Protein backbone atom coordinates (compact mmCIF):
# COMPACT_ATOMS: atom_id res chain seq x y z
CA MET A 1 5.91 -126.69 -57.35
CA LEU A 2 4.81 -124.74 -54.31
CA ASN A 3 5.74 -128.13 -51.81
CA THR A 4 9.72 -127.25 -52.59
CA PHE A 5 9.08 -123.81 -50.97
CA CYS A 6 6.95 -124.95 -47.78
CA SER A 7 8.25 -126.68 -44.20
CA ASN A 8 6.59 -127.32 -41.24
CA LYS A 9 9.18 -124.46 -39.88
CA ILE A 10 6.28 -121.86 -41.49
CA LYS A 11 4.04 -120.35 -39.54
CA TYR A 12 3.05 -117.12 -41.08
CA LEU A 13 1.67 -117.26 -44.74
CA ASN A 14 0.95 -114.57 -46.73
CA LEU A 15 -0.56 -115.51 -50.23
CA SER A 16 -3.01 -112.01 -51.06
CA TYR A 17 -3.91 -111.03 -54.22
CA THR A 18 -1.86 -113.68 -55.70
CA ASN A 19 -3.77 -116.48 -58.30
CA VAL A 20 -3.61 -119.15 -55.67
CA ASP A 21 -6.07 -121.85 -55.84
CA ASP A 22 -7.47 -124.61 -54.46
CA LYS A 23 -4.97 -127.51 -55.68
CA SER A 24 -2.26 -124.43 -54.15
CA LEU A 25 -3.95 -124.74 -50.93
CA HIS A 26 -3.97 -128.53 -50.74
CA ILE A 27 0.00 -128.71 -51.31
CA ILE A 28 0.83 -125.48 -48.79
CA SER A 29 -1.63 -127.31 -46.07
CA THR A 30 -0.21 -130.35 -46.22
CA SER A 31 3.01 -129.31 -46.56
CA CYS A 32 2.88 -126.34 -43.97
CA CYS A 33 0.77 -127.78 -42.03
CA GLY A 34 1.94 -125.13 -38.81
CA LEU A 35 0.46 -122.68 -39.99
CA LEU A 36 -0.80 -119.56 -37.40
CA GLN A 37 -1.75 -117.01 -40.15
CA LEU A 38 -2.51 -117.95 -43.50
CA LEU A 39 -3.51 -114.55 -45.66
CA MET A 40 -5.54 -114.48 -48.74
CA GLU A 41 -7.15 -111.38 -49.23
CA CYS A 42 -8.59 -111.16 -53.00
CA CYS A 43 -7.84 -114.88 -54.15
CA LYS A 44 -10.24 -115.43 -56.40
CA ASN A 45 -9.02 -118.45 -57.20
CA VAL A 46 -9.53 -119.95 -54.40
CA ILE A 47 -12.76 -121.81 -53.66
CA GLU A 48 -14.65 -123.56 -50.21
CA ASN A 49 -12.61 -127.16 -51.10
CA GLY A 50 -9.02 -125.67 -50.45
CA VAL A 51 -10.46 -123.56 -47.82
CA LYS A 52 -11.35 -126.54 -46.44
CA HIS A 53 -8.30 -128.45 -46.91
CA VAL A 54 -6.03 -126.01 -44.63
CA VAL A 55 -8.74 -126.34 -42.26
CA GLN A 56 -8.60 -129.96 -41.92
CA ASN A 57 -4.28 -130.62 -42.39
CA CYS A 58 -2.96 -127.50 -40.52
CA THR A 59 -4.28 -128.40 -36.90
CA GLN A 60 -2.64 -125.34 -35.11
CA LEU A 61 -4.35 -122.64 -37.34
CA PRO A 62 -5.86 -119.53 -35.23
CA GLU A 63 -6.23 -117.13 -37.70
CA ILE A 64 -7.07 -116.85 -41.86
CA ASN A 65 -7.89 -113.71 -43.49
CA LEU A 66 -10.61 -114.77 -46.92
CA ARG A 67 -11.61 -110.85 -47.88
CA TYR A 68 -12.88 -110.43 -50.57
CA CYS A 69 -12.57 -114.62 -51.71
CA ASP A 70 -15.27 -114.00 -53.74
CA GLN A 71 -15.91 -118.25 -54.55
CA VAL A 72 -16.04 -119.18 -50.48
CA LYS A 73 -19.85 -118.08 -49.50
CA ALA A 74 -20.27 -117.91 -45.44
CA ASN A 75 -21.57 -121.42 -45.47
CA VAL A 76 -18.51 -122.92 -44.86
CA VAL A 77 -16.81 -120.39 -42.06
CA SER A 78 -19.47 -123.45 -39.84
CA LEU A 79 -17.89 -126.41 -41.54
CA MET A 80 -14.10 -124.39 -40.11
CA VAL A 81 -15.13 -123.53 -36.64
CA LEU A 82 -16.48 -127.14 -36.03
CA SER A 83 -13.27 -128.69 -37.40
CA ARG A 84 -10.80 -126.92 -36.04
CA PRO A 85 -11.56 -125.50 -32.82
CA SER A 86 -8.01 -123.51 -32.82
CA LEU A 87 -9.10 -121.75 -35.16
CA ARG A 88 -10.07 -117.95 -34.21
CA LYS A 89 -10.23 -115.38 -36.38
CA ILE A 90 -11.76 -115.70 -39.74
CA ILE A 91 -11.40 -111.85 -40.99
CA GLY A 92 -13.71 -111.36 -44.49
CA PHE A 93 -17.46 -111.77 -43.06
CA LEU A 94 -20.45 -109.80 -42.80
CA LEU A 95 -23.23 -110.82 -41.06
CA VAL A 96 -26.42 -109.34 -42.55
CA THR A 97 -30.06 -108.81 -40.64
CA GLU A 98 -33.16 -107.31 -41.36
CA ARG A 99 -30.61 -103.52 -40.23
CA GLY A 100 -28.13 -104.00 -43.19
CA LYS A 101 -24.58 -105.31 -42.39
CA SER A 102 -22.27 -105.84 -39.74
CA SER A 103 -19.42 -107.04 -39.14
CA CYS A 104 -18.85 -110.05 -36.58
CA ASN A 105 -17.90 -112.55 -34.85
CA VAL A 106 -16.76 -116.36 -35.89
CA MET A 107 -19.72 -117.30 -33.35
CA ASP A 108 -22.19 -114.66 -34.80
CA VAL A 109 -21.67 -116.20 -38.33
CA LEU A 110 -22.05 -119.88 -37.46
CA PHE A 111 -25.27 -119.45 -35.32
CA ALA A 112 -26.24 -117.59 -37.59
CA SER A 113 -25.89 -119.78 -40.47
CA MET A 114 -26.75 -123.05 -38.00
CA TYR A 115 -30.10 -121.89 -37.64
CA SER A 116 -30.76 -120.17 -41.09
CA GLN A 117 -31.76 -116.85 -39.12
CA THR A 118 -30.27 -114.30 -40.97
CA ASN A 119 -28.32 -114.37 -44.13
CA CYS A 120 -24.46 -114.42 -43.86
CA TYR A 121 -22.35 -114.53 -46.77
CA ALA A 122 -18.39 -113.33 -48.09
CA GLN A 123 -18.28 -109.68 -48.49
CA VAL A 124 -17.33 -108.57 -51.41
């Protein structure tokens, strides 16, 4: 079971390219609530519920990488930013404008998703 391997002392966790899922993220987020960086690049089994658990339970988290997490859509970004003020870097989202794709910061995605002025999505 994952929570036997985690503790509040773990600050950096790289789960990229693993089969981690929402149930695992729930256990990790309650056992490793002091995370400062969580990398989940290309975790195909992660959906929004798992990300929500992490954001709610990891109260100091400033950075999360969701690049190529196909099940996590950009509309979860506004929830992430509003519920976790410490979160400053969310990797893996692009902003799609009339001019095409461009990388953007968290605030661009937040405002775009709140006001539906552009179409935001997770990079695939």
